[in-house]
Amino acid sequence: MVIPTVGVFVYLLFIPNVIQESYRNYLLGLIFVSTYILPLVLLIILKVFGVIKSFHLTSIRERKIPLFIMIVLFYVLGNTLTNFSVLEDFGILFYATSFGLIAVYFFFVFKIKVSLHLLSMGIMVSFFITVGMKYSLSILPLIMVFFFLSGLLASSRLHLKAHTPKEVYLGFFFGVIAQFATYYLL
């Protein structure tokens, strides 16, 4: 799930913040390693040991272990980042991602493979809505771009027959709900 890294990068570009320039690269590096490199290495290990057949994780059975690992990883990242007041927004973002993934995991019981791509996009859209409200920023064009990209991504997931419309909608919906709920509850 590289989309949270993109979200942090966009935040650092467009949202006024007090994070020193030298620390921004460390932050991006930490988040990139945690959200892209570590999961990639774990997927490779799971594939080598035959736990998963392909990196596409097409079945619910194949998704269970990687998703559980991601839930824990994002929760730990959220917990780590919320310890620093200037990084609290990012902590909430990663807590929300963890909670959204828990919702997706719950749907495995019903044999529904919720779209993780659209979950991430729903989280991004609502993350920037909450950031805009929190800091009284006018970032509507940025939010509109994320909505547009969400539509393109949803269309591509449907075109590739990777998901049904219900799975795509559920992904986006639970992404939005996870972010708003996390923001208002923490």
N, C-alpha and C. Protein backbone atom coordinates (compact mmCIF):
# COMPACT_ATOMS: atom_id res chain seq x y z
N MET A 1 0.84 -1.18 0.00
CA MET A 1 0.00 0.00 0.00
C MET A 1 0.89 1.24 0.00
N VAL A 2 1.23 1.67 -1.16
CA VAL A 2 2.13 2.82 -1.31
C VAL A 2 1.35 4.15 -1.26
N ILE A 3 0.04 4.09 -1.33
CA ILE A 3 -0.75 5.33 -1.36
C ILE A 3 -0.56 6.18 -0.10
N PRO A 4 -0.43 5.60 1.11
CA PRO A 4 -0.14 6.46 2.27
C PRO A 4 1.15 7.25 2.12
N THR A 5 2.16 6.67 1.49
CA THR A 5 3.40 7.40 1.25
C THR A 5 3.13 8.59 0.33
N VAL A 6 2.32 8.36 -0.69
CA VAL A 6 1.95 9.45 -1.60
C VAL A 6 1.19 10.53 -0.83
N GLY A 7 0.29 10.11 0.06
CA GLY A 7 -0.47 11.07 0.85
C GLY A 7 0.42 11.93 1.73
N VAL A 8 1.40 11.32 2.36
CA VAL A 8 2.34 12.08 3.20
C VAL A 8 3.15 13.04 2.34
N PHE A 9 3.60 12.58 1.18
CA PHE A 9 4.36 13.44 0.27
C PHE A 9 3.52 14.64 -0.17
N VAL A 10 2.28 14.40 -0.55
CA VAL A 10 1.38 15.49 -0.97
C VAL A 10 1.13 16.44 0.20
N TYR A 11 0.94 15.91 1.38
CA TYR A 11 0.75 16.73 2.58
C TYR A 11 1.95 17.66 2.76
N LEU A 12 3.14 17.10 2.68
CA LEU A 12 4.35 17.91 2.88
C LEU A 12 4.52 18.97 1.80
N LEU A 13 3.98 18.72 0.61
CA LEU A 13 4.06 19.71 -0.47
C LEU A 13 3.04 20.84 -0.32
N PHE A 14 1.82 20.49 0.09
CA PHE A 14 0.72 21.46 0.01
C PHE A 14 0.19 21.98 1.34
N ILE A 15 0.50 21.32 2.44
CA ILE A 15 -0.06 21.73 3.72
C ILE A 15 1.04 22.42 4.53
N PRO A 16 0.81 23.66 4.95
CA PRO A 16 1.82 24.35 5.76
C PRO A 16 2.06 23.56 7.06
N ASN A 17 3.33 23.32 7.36
CA ASN A 17 3.65 22.56 8.57
C ASN A 17 4.99 23.02 9.14
N VAL A 18 5.29 22.55 10.33
CA VAL A 18 6.50 23.00 11.02
C VAL A 18 7.61 21.95 10.99
N ILE A 19 7.46 20.97 10.14
CA ILE A 19 8.48 19.92 10.06
C ILE A 19 9.67 20.45 9.28
N GLN A 20 10.83 20.41 9.92
CA GLN A 20 12.04 20.92 9.27
C GLN A 20 12.35 20.11 8.02
N GLU A 21 12.93 20.81 7.05
CA GLU A 21 13.25 20.19 5.76
C GLU A 21 14.10 18.93 5.93
N SER A 22 15.08 18.97 6.80
CA SER A 22 15.97 17.80 6.98
C SER A 22 15.22 16.60 7.53
N TYR A 23 14.18 16.83 8.35
CA TYR A 23 13.42 15.72 8.91
C TYR A 23 12.38 15.17 7.94
N ARG A 24 11.99 15.97 6.97
CA ARG A 24 11.00 15.51 5.99
C ARG A 24 11.50 14.28 5.23
N ASN A 25 12.76 14.31 4.85
CA ASN A 25 13.32 13.16 4.12
C ASN A 25 13.37 11.92 5.00
N TYR A 26 13.73 12.09 6.27
CA TYR A 26 13.72 10.96 7.19
C TYR A 26 12.31 10.39 7.34
N LEU A 27 11.34 11.30 7.48
CA LEU A 27 9.95 10.89 7.63
C LEU A 27 9.47 10.13 6.39
N LEU A 28 9.73 10.69 5.23
CA LEU A 28 9.33 10.02 3.99
C LEU A 28 10.02 8.66 3.86
N GLY A 29 11.29 8.61 4.23
CA GLY A 29 12.03 7.35 4.17
C GLY A 29 11.43 6.31 5.09
N LEU A 30 11.14 6.70 6.33
CA LEU A 30 10.53 5.79 7.30
C LEU A 30 9.20 5.26 6.78
N ILE A 31 8.38 6.15 6.27
CA ILE A 31 7.06 5.76 5.80
C ILE A 31 7.16 4.91 4.53
N PHE A 32 8.07 5.25 3.63
CA PHE A 32 8.24 4.46 2.41
C PHE A 32 8.72 3.05 2.75
N VAL A 33 9.67 2.94 3.64
CA VAL A 33 10.17 1.61 4.04
C VAL A 33 9.06 0.83 4.73
N SER A 34 8.29 1.49 5.60
CA SER A 34 7.24 0.81 6.35
C SER A 34 6.04 0.41 5.50
N THR A 35 5.72 1.20 4.49
CA THR A 35 4.51 0.94 3.71
C THR A 35 4.76 0.31 2.35
N TYR A 36 6.01 0.26 1.94
CA TYR A 36 6.30 -0.31 0.62
C TYR A 36 7.37 -1.40 0.69
N ILE A 37 8.53 -1.07 1.20
CA ILE A 37 9.65 -2.02 1.21
C ILE A 37 9.35 -3.22 2.12
N LEU A 38 8.99 -2.96 3.38
CA LEU A 38 8.69 -4.07 4.30
C LEU A 38 7.58 -4.98 3.79
N PRO A 39 6.44 -4.42 3.35
CA PRO A 39 5.40 -5.30 2.82
C PRO A 39 5.86 -6.09 1.58
N LEU A 40 6.66 -5.46 0.74
CA LEU A 40 7.17 -6.16 -0.44
C LEU A 40 8.07 -7.33 -0.04
N VAL A 41 8.96 -7.10 0.90
CA VAL A 41 9.84 -8.17 1.39
C VAL A 41 9.01 -9.29 2.02
N LEU A 42 7.99 -8.91 2.81
CA LEU A 42 7.13 -9.91 3.43
C LEU A 42 6.37 -10.71 2.38
N LEU A 43 5.90 -10.07 1.33
CA LEU A 43 5.21 -10.79 0.25
C LEU A 43 6.15 -11.77 -0.45
N ILE A 44 7.37 -11.34 -0.67
CA ILE A 44 8.36 -12.23 -1.29
C ILE A 44 8.59 -13.46 -0.40
N ILE A 45 8.74 -13.22 0.89
CA ILE A 45 8.95 -14.33 1.83
C ILE A 45 7.74 -15.27 1.82
N LEU A 46 6.54 -14.70 1.84
CA LEU A 46 5.32 -15.52 1.82
C LEU A 46 5.21 -16.32 0.52
N LYS A 47 5.64 -15.74 -0.57
CA LYS A 47 5.60 -16.44 -1.86
C LYS A 47 6.64 -17.57 -1.89
N VAL A 48 7.84 -17.31 -1.40
CA VAL A 48 8.89 -18.32 -1.36
C VAL A 48 8.46 -19.53 -0.53
N PHE A 49 7.76 -19.28 0.58
CA PHE A 49 7.31 -20.37 1.45
C PHE A 49 5.96 -20.95 1.03
N GLY A 50 5.42 -20.48 -0.09
CA GLY A 50 4.19 -21.05 -0.63
C GLY A 50 2.92 -20.64 0.07
N VAL A 51 2.99 -19.63 0.90
CA VAL A 51 1.79 -19.16 1.59
C VAL A 51 0.86 -18.45 0.61
N ILE A 52 1.46 -17.73 -0.35
CA ILE A 52 0.69 -17.09 -1.41
C ILE A 52 1.18 -17.61 -2.76
N LYS A 53 0.28 -17.63 -3.75
CA LYS A 53 0.65 -18.12 -5.08
C LYS A 53 1.17 -17.00 -5.97
N SER A 54 0.58 -15.80 -5.83
CA SER A 54 1.02 -14.68 -6.66
C SER A 54 0.96 -13.40 -5.84
N PHE A 55 1.63 -12.39 -6.33
CA PHE A 55 1.65 -11.10 -5.64
C PHE A 55 0.32 -10.36 -5.79
N HIS A 56 -0.56 -10.85 -6.65
CA HIS A 56 -1.85 -10.21 -6.86
C HIS A 56 -2.84 -10.50 -5.74
N LEU A 57 -2.55 -11.53 -4.94
CA LEU A 57 -3.40 -11.91 -3.81
C LEU A 57 -4.87 -11.98 -4.24
N THR A 58 -5.12 -12.82 -5.23
CA THR A 58 -6.44 -12.87 -5.85
C THR A 58 -7.51 -13.51 -4.96
N SER A 59 -7.12 -14.40 -4.07
CA SER A 59 -8.12 -15.07 -3.23
C SER A 59 -8.12 -14.46 -1.82
N ILE A 60 -9.23 -14.64 -1.16
CA ILE A 60 -9.34 -14.17 0.22
C ILE A 60 -8.35 -14.90 1.11
N ARG A 61 -8.17 -16.19 0.88
CA ARG A 61 -7.23 -16.98 1.68
C ARG A 61 -5.83 -16.40 1.59
N GLU A 62 -5.42 -16.01 0.38
CA GLU A 62 -4.08 -15.45 0.20
C GLU A 62 -3.93 -14.07 0.85
N ARG A 63 -5.02 -13.36 1.00
CA ARG A 63 -4.97 -12.01 1.56
C ARG A 63 -4.87 -11.98 3.08
N LYS A 64 -5.27 -13.02 3.75
CA LYS A 64 -5.41 -12.98 5.21
C LYS A 64 -4.11 -12.66 5.94
N ILE A 65 -3.05 -13.38 5.70
CA ILE A 65 -1.80 -13.15 6.42
C ILE A 65 -1.17 -11.80 6.06
N PRO A 66 -1.03 -11.48 4.75
CA PRO A 66 -0.46 -10.16 4.43
C PRO A 66 -1.28 -9.00 5.01
N LEU A 67 -2.60 -9.14 4.99
CA LEU A 67 -3.45 -8.08 5.51
C LEU A 67 -3.29 -7.94 7.02
N PHE A 68 -3.20 -9.05 7.72
CA PHE A 68 -2.98 -9.00 9.16
C PHE A 68 -1.66 -8.30 9.48
N ILE A 69 -0.62 -8.63 8.73
CA ILE A 69 0.69 -7.99 8.92
C ILE A 69 0.59 -6.49 8.68
N MET A 70 -0.15 -6.11 7.64
CA MET A 70 -0.31 -4.68 7.33
C MET A 70 -1.09 -3.96 8.43
N ILE A 71 -2.10 -4.62 8.99
CA ILE A 71 -2.86 -4.02 10.09
C ILE A 71 -1.92 -3.68 11.24
N VAL A 72 -1.10 -4.65 11.62
CA VAL A 72 -0.16 -4.45 12.73
C VAL A 72 0.86 -3.37 12.38
N LEU A 73 1.41 -3.43 11.18
CA LEU A 73 2.43 -2.47 10.74
C LEU A 73 1.90 -1.04 10.74
N PHE A 74 0.70 -0.83 10.18
CA PHE A 74 0.13 0.51 10.15
C PHE A 74 -0.25 0.99 11.55
N TYR A 75 -0.71 0.08 12.39
CA TYR A 75 -1.04 0.47 13.76
C TYR A 75 0.22 0.93 14.51
N VAL A 76 1.29 0.16 14.38
CA VAL A 76 2.56 0.53 15.05
C VAL A 76 3.07 1.87 14.50
N LEU A 77 2.97 2.06 13.19
CA LEU A 77 3.40 3.32 12.59
C LEU A 77 2.55 4.47 13.10
N GLY A 78 1.23 4.28 13.17
CA GLY A 78 0.35 5.31 13.71
C GLY A 78 0.68 5.63 15.16
N ASN A 79 0.92 4.59 15.94
CA ASN A 79 1.26 4.76 17.34
C ASN A 79 2.58 5.51 17.50
N THR A 80 3.54 5.20 16.68
CA THR A 80 4.84 5.86 16.73
C THR A 80 4.73 7.34 16.37
N LEU A 81 4.01 7.63 15.29
CA LEU A 81 3.93 9.00 14.81
C LEU A 81 3.09 9.90 15.71
N THR A 82 2.07 9.36 16.36
CA THR A 82 1.25 10.22 17.22
C THR A 82 1.97 10.62 18.50
N ASN A 83 3.11 10.01 18.78
CA ASN A 83 3.91 10.42 19.94
C ASN A 83 4.58 11.78 19.73
N PHE A 84 4.60 12.26 18.50
CA PHE A 84 5.22 13.55 18.18
C PHE A 84 4.12 14.48 17.68
N SER A 85 3.92 15.59 18.38
CA SER A 85 2.79 16.47 18.06
C SER A 85 2.81 16.97 16.62
N VAL A 86 3.99 17.23 16.06
CA VAL A 86 4.05 17.73 14.68
C VAL A 86 3.74 16.63 13.66
N LEU A 87 3.73 15.38 14.10
CA LEU A 87 3.45 14.26 13.21
C LEU A 87 2.10 13.61 13.48
N GLU A 88 1.32 14.26 14.35
CA GLU A 88 0.04 13.67 14.76
C GLU A 88 -0.90 13.40 13.58
N ASP A 89 -0.95 14.30 12.61
CA ASP A 89 -1.80 14.08 11.43
C ASP A 89 -1.45 12.78 10.74
N PHE A 90 -0.15 12.50 10.63
CA PHE A 90 0.28 11.26 9.97
C PHE A 90 -0.07 10.05 10.81
N GLY A 91 0.05 10.19 12.12
CA GLY A 91 -0.34 9.10 13.01
C GLY A 91 -1.80 8.74 12.84
N ILE A 92 -2.64 9.75 12.75
CA ILE A 92 -4.07 9.52 12.55
C ILE A 92 -4.30 8.87 11.19
N LEU A 93 -3.57 9.29 10.18
CA LEU A 93 -3.68 8.67 8.85
C LEU A 93 -3.38 7.17 8.92
N PHE A 94 -2.33 6.80 9.63
CA PHE A 94 -1.95 5.39 9.68
C PHE A 94 -2.84 4.58 10.62
N TYR A 95 -3.33 5.19 11.69
CA TYR A 95 -4.34 4.51 12.50
C TYR A 95 -5.58 4.23 11.64
N ALA A 96 -6.02 5.23 10.90
CA ALA A 96 -7.20 5.06 10.05
C ALA A 96 -6.99 3.95 9.03
N THR A 97 -5.80 3.89 8.46
CA THR A 97 -5.51 2.83 7.50
C THR A 97 -5.59 1.47 8.18
N SER A 98 -5.06 1.37 9.38
CA SER A 98 -5.13 0.12 10.13
C SER A 98 -6.58 -0.26 10.42
N PHE A 99 -7.38 0.70 10.84
CA PHE A 99 -8.78 0.42 11.14
C PHE A 99 -9.56 0.07 9.87
N GLY A 100 -9.25 0.73 8.77
CA GLY A 100 -9.88 0.39 7.50
C GLY A 100 -9.55 -1.04 7.07
N LEU A 101 -8.31 -1.44 7.29
CA LEU A 101 -7.90 -2.81 6.96
C LEU A 101 -8.60 -3.82 7.86
N ILE A 102 -8.86 -3.45 9.10
CA ILE A 102 -9.62 -4.34 9.99
C ILE A 102 -11.03 -4.53 9.44
N ALA A 103 -11.65 -3.47 8.95
CA ALA A 103 -12.98 -3.58 8.33
C ALA A 103 -12.94 -4.52 7.14
N VAL A 104 -11.90 -4.39 6.31
CA VAL A 104 -11.75 -5.27 5.15
C VAL A 104 -11.61 -6.72 5.61
N TYR A 105 -10.83 -6.92 6.65
CA TYR A 105 -10.63 -8.28 7.19
C TYR A 105 -11.96 -8.87 7.65
N PHE A 106 -12.79 -8.04 8.27
CA PHE A 106 -14.11 -8.48 8.72
C PHE A 106 -14.94 -9.01 7.55
N PHE A 107 -14.82 -8.40 6.38
CA PHE A 107 -15.61 -8.81 5.22
C PHE A 107 -15.17 -10.16 4.65
N PHE A 108 -14.01 -10.63 5.05
CA PHE A 108 -13.58 -11.97 4.63
C PHE A 108 -14.57 -13.03 5.10
N VAL A 109 -15.18 -12.80 6.26
CA VAL A 109 -16.17 -13.74 6.79
C VAL A 109 -17.32 -13.92 5.81
N PHE A 110 -17.66 -12.86 5.09
CA PHE A 110 -18.76 -12.88 4.13
C PHE A 110 -18.29 -13.18 2.71
N LYS A 111 -17.03 -13.58 2.58
CA LYS A 111 -16.44 -13.93 1.28
C LYS A 111 -16.44 -12.74 0.31
N ILE A 112 -16.24 -11.55 0.86
CA ILE A 112 -16.19 -10.33 0.04
C ILE A 112 -14.76 -9.80 0.06
N LYS A 113 -14.20 -9.62 -1.13
CA LYS A 113 -12.82 -9.16 -1.28
C LYS A 113 -12.83 -7.65 -1.56
N VAL A 114 -12.95 -6.88 -0.51
CA VAL A 114 -13.04 -5.42 -0.62
C VAL A 114 -11.76 -4.88 -1.26
N SER A 115 -11.91 -3.88 -2.12
CA SER A 115 -10.77 -3.29 -2.83
C SER A 115 -9.88 -2.49 -1.89
N LEU A 116 -8.64 -2.95 -1.75
CA LEU A 116 -7.66 -2.22 -0.93
C LEU A 116 -7.22 -0.93 -1.62
N HIS A 117 -7.21 -0.94 -2.95
CA HIS A 117 -6.85 0.27 -3.68
C HIS A 117 -7.83 1.40 -3.36
N LEU A 118 -9.13 1.07 -3.41
CA LEU A 118 -10.13 2.10 -3.16
C LEU A 118 -10.24 2.43 -1.68
N LEU A 119 -9.93 1.48 -0.81
CA LEU A 119 -9.84 1.78 0.62
C LEU A 119 -8.81 2.88 0.83
N SER A 120 -7.65 2.72 0.23
CA SER A 120 -6.58 3.71 0.35
C SER A 120 -7.00 5.07 -0.21
N MET A 121 -7.68 5.06 -1.33
CA MET A 121 -8.11 6.33 -1.93
C MET A 121 -9.18 7.00 -1.07
N GLY A 122 -10.09 6.22 -0.51
CA GLY A 122 -11.10 6.78 0.39
C GLY A 122 -10.45 7.41 1.61
N ILE A 123 -9.42 6.75 2.12
CA ILE A 123 -8.69 7.29 3.26
C ILE A 123 -8.00 8.60 2.86
N MET A 124 -7.41 8.64 1.68
CA MET A 124 -6.72 9.86 1.23
C MET A 124 -7.70 11.02 1.08
N VAL A 125 -8.83 10.77 0.44
CA VAL A 125 -9.81 11.83 0.24
C VAL A 125 -10.25 12.40 1.59
N SER A 126 -10.64 11.52 2.49
CA SER A 126 -11.14 12.02 3.78
C SER A 126 -10.02 12.57 4.66
N PHE A 127 -8.79 12.07 4.48
CA PHE A 127 -7.64 12.63 5.22
C PHE A 127 -7.46 14.10 4.86
N PHE A 128 -7.49 14.41 3.57
CA PHE A 128 -7.29 15.80 3.18
C PHE A 128 -8.50 16.66 3.49
N ILE A 129 -9.70 16.07 3.53
CA ILE A 129 -10.87 16.83 3.98
C ILE A 129 -10.69 17.21 5.45
N THR A 130 -10.29 16.23 6.28
CA THR A 130 -10.12 16.52 7.71
C THR A 130 -8.97 17.49 7.95
N VAL A 131 -7.88 17.35 7.21
CA VAL A 131 -6.75 18.29 7.35
C VAL A 131 -7.19 19.69 6.96
N GLY A 132 -7.94 19.80 5.87
CA GLY A 132 -8.44 21.10 5.43
C GLY A 132 -9.33 21.75 6.48
N MET A 133 -10.19 20.93 7.10
CA MET A 133 -11.08 21.47 8.15
C MET A 133 -10.28 21.84 9.39
N LYS A 134 -9.34 20.99 9.79
CA LYS A 134 -8.56 21.21 11.00
C LYS A 134 -7.76 22.51 10.94
N TYR A 135 -7.16 22.78 9.79
CA TYR A 135 -6.30 23.96 9.64
C TYR A 135 -6.98 25.09 8.88
N SER A 136 -8.27 24.97 8.60
CA SER A 136 -9.04 25.97 7.85
C SER A 136 -8.34 26.31 6.54
N LEU A 137 -8.00 25.28 5.79
CA LEU A 137 -7.32 25.45 4.50
C LEU A 137 -8.29 25.23 3.35
N SER A 138 -8.10 25.97 2.30
CA SER A 138 -8.90 25.78 1.10
C SER A 138 -8.13 24.86 0.15
N ILE A 139 -8.39 23.57 0.28
CA ILE A 139 -7.67 22.59 -0.55
C ILE A 139 -8.64 21.78 -1.41
N LEU A 140 -9.76 22.41 -1.76
CA LEU A 140 -10.76 21.74 -2.58
C LEU A 140 -10.19 21.20 -3.89
N PRO A 141 -9.33 21.95 -4.60
CA PRO A 141 -8.77 21.39 -5.84
C PRO A 141 -7.99 20.09 -5.60
N LEU A 142 -7.26 20.02 -4.50
CA LEU A 142 -6.51 18.81 -4.17
C LEU A 142 -7.46 17.65 -3.89
N ILE A 143 -8.51 17.92 -3.15
CA ILE A 143 -9.51 16.89 -2.84
C ILE A 143 -10.19 16.42 -4.13
N MET A 144 -10.49 17.36 -5.03
CA MET A 144 -11.11 17.00 -6.30
C MET A 144 -10.19 16.10 -7.13
N VAL A 145 -8.90 16.38 -7.10
CA VAL A 145 -7.93 15.54 -7.82
C VAL A 145 -7.96 14.11 -7.25
N PHE A 146 -7.99 13.98 -5.93
CA PHE A 146 -8.05 12.65 -5.32
C PHE A 146 -9.36 11.94 -5.66
N PHE A 147 -10.48 12.67 -5.72
CA PHE A 147 -11.74 12.06 -6.14
C PHE A 147 -11.64 11.57 -7.59
N PHE A 148 -11.07 12.39 -8.45
CA PHE A 148 -10.91 12.01 -9.85
C PHE A 148 -10.02 10.77 -9.98
N LEU A 149 -8.91 10.77 -9.27
CA LEU A 149 -8.00 9.61 -9.30
C LEU A 149 -8.68 8.36 -8.74
N SER A 150 -9.53 8.56 -7.75
CA SER A 150 -10.29 7.43 -7.19
C SER A 150 -11.21 6.83 -8.25
N GLY A 151 -11.85 7.70 -9.01
CA GLY A 151 -12.73 7.22 -10.08
C GLY A 151 -11.96 6.46 -11.15
N LEU A 152 -10.80 6.99 -11.53
CA LEU A 152 -9.97 6.29 -12.52
C LEU A 152 -9.52 4.93 -12.00
N LEU A 153 -9.10 4.90 -10.75
CA LEU A 153 -8.64 3.65 -10.16
C LEU A 153 -9.78 2.65 -10.05
N ALA A 154 -10.94 3.12 -9.63
CA ALA A 154 -12.11 2.23 -9.55
C ALA A 154 -12.46 1.66 -10.92
N SER A 155 -12.45 2.52 -11.93
CA SER A 155 -12.74 2.06 -13.29
C SER A 155 -11.74 1.01 -13.75
N SER A 156 -10.47 1.22 -13.43
CA SER A 156 -9.46 0.26 -13.86
C SER A 156 -9.62 -1.07 -13.12
N ARG A 157 -9.95 -1.03 -11.83
CA ARG A 157 -10.15 -2.28 -11.07
C ARG A 157 -11.34 -3.05 -11.62
N LEU A 158 -12.39 -2.33 -12.03
CA LEU A 158 -13.55 -2.98 -12.63
C LEU A 158 -13.23 -3.51 -14.02
N HIS A 159 -12.53 -2.72 -14.81
CA HIS A 159 -12.15 -3.13 -16.17
C HIS A 159 -11.28 -4.38 -16.15
N LEU A 160 -10.38 -4.46 -15.19
CA LEU A 160 -9.49 -5.62 -15.07
C LEU A 160 -10.20 -6.82 -14.44
N LYS A 161 -11.45 -6.60 -14.04
CA LYS A 161 -12.24 -7.64 -13.37
C LYS A 161 -11.57 -8.14 -12.08
N ALA A 162 -10.84 -7.23 -11.44
CA ALA A 162 -10.20 -7.56 -10.17
C ALA A 162 -11.21 -7.49 -9.03
N HIS A 163 -12.28 -6.72 -9.23
CA HIS A 163 -13.32 -6.55 -8.20
C HIS A 163 -14.67 -6.36 -8.85
N THR A 164 -15.69 -6.57 -8.05
CA THR A 164 -17.06 -6.25 -8.46
C THR A 164 -17.33 -4.79 -8.06
N PRO A 165 -18.38 -4.19 -8.61
CA PRO A 165 -18.71 -2.82 -8.19
C PRO A 165 -18.92 -2.72 -6.67
N LYS A 166 -19.56 -3.71 -6.08
CA LYS A 166 -19.78 -3.70 -4.63
C LYS A 166 -18.46 -3.65 -3.86
N GLU A 167 -17.47 -4.41 -4.29
CA GLU A 167 -16.17 -4.44 -3.61
C GLU A 167 -15.44 -3.11 -3.73
N VAL A 168 -15.59 -2.47 -4.88
CA VAL A 168 -14.96 -1.17 -5.10
C VAL A 168 -15.63 -0.10 -4.23
N TYR A 169 -16.96 -0.08 -4.24
CA TYR A 169 -17.68 0.89 -3.42
C TYR A 169 -17.42 0.69 -1.94
N LEU A 170 -17.43 -0.57 -1.50
CA LEU A 170 -17.15 -0.85 -0.09
C LEU A 170 -15.75 -0.37 0.30
N GLY A 171 -14.78 -0.58 -0.56
CA GLY A 171 -13.42 -0.13 -0.27
C GLY A 171 -13.36 1.37 -0.05
N PHE A 172 -13.93 2.13 -0.99
CA PHE A 172 -13.89 3.58 -0.87
C PHE A 172 -14.68 4.04 0.35
N PHE A 173 -15.86 3.48 0.54
CA PHE A 173 -16.73 3.86 1.66
C PHE A 173 -16.04 3.62 3.00
N PHE A 174 -15.47 2.44 3.17
CA PHE A 174 -14.83 2.15 4.46
C PHE A 174 -13.54 2.94 4.64
N GLY A 175 -12.90 3.32 3.56
CA GLY A 175 -11.74 4.21 3.68
C GLY A 175 -12.15 5.57 4.22
N VAL A 176 -13.22 6.10 3.67
CA VAL A 176 -13.72 7.41 4.12
C VAL A 176 -14.16 7.32 5.58
N ILE A 177 -14.94 6.30 5.90
CA ILE A 177 -15.45 6.14 7.26
C ILE A 177 -14.30 5.95 8.26
N ALA A 178 -13.32 5.13 7.90
CA ALA A 178 -12.19 4.87 8.82
C ALA A 178 -11.45 6.15 9.16
N GLN A 179 -11.21 6.99 8.15
CA GLN A 179 -10.46 8.23 8.39
C GLN A 179 -11.27 9.20 9.25
N PHE A 180 -12.53 9.42 8.89
CA PHE A 180 -13.36 10.35 9.67
C PHE A 180 -13.53 9.85 11.10
N ALA A 181 -13.82 8.56 11.27
CA ALA A 181 -14.01 8.00 12.61
C ALA A 181 -12.73 8.15 13.44
N THR A 182 -11.59 7.85 12.84
CA THR A 182 -10.32 7.96 13.57
C THR A 182 -10.06 9.40 13.96
N TYR A 183 -10.28 10.32 13.02
CA TYR A 183 -10.04 11.73 13.31
C TYR A 183 -10.90 12.22 14.46
N TYR A 184 -12.19 11.86 14.44
CA TYR A 184 -13.10 12.37 15.46
C TYR A 184 -13.02 11.62 16.78
N LEU A 185 -12.54 10.39 16.76
CA LEU A 185 -12.47 9.61 17.99
C LEU A 185 -11.14 9.74 18.72
N LEU A 186 -10.08 10.11 18.00
CA LEU A 186 -8.77 10.23 18.67
C LEU A 186 -8.46 11.66 19.04
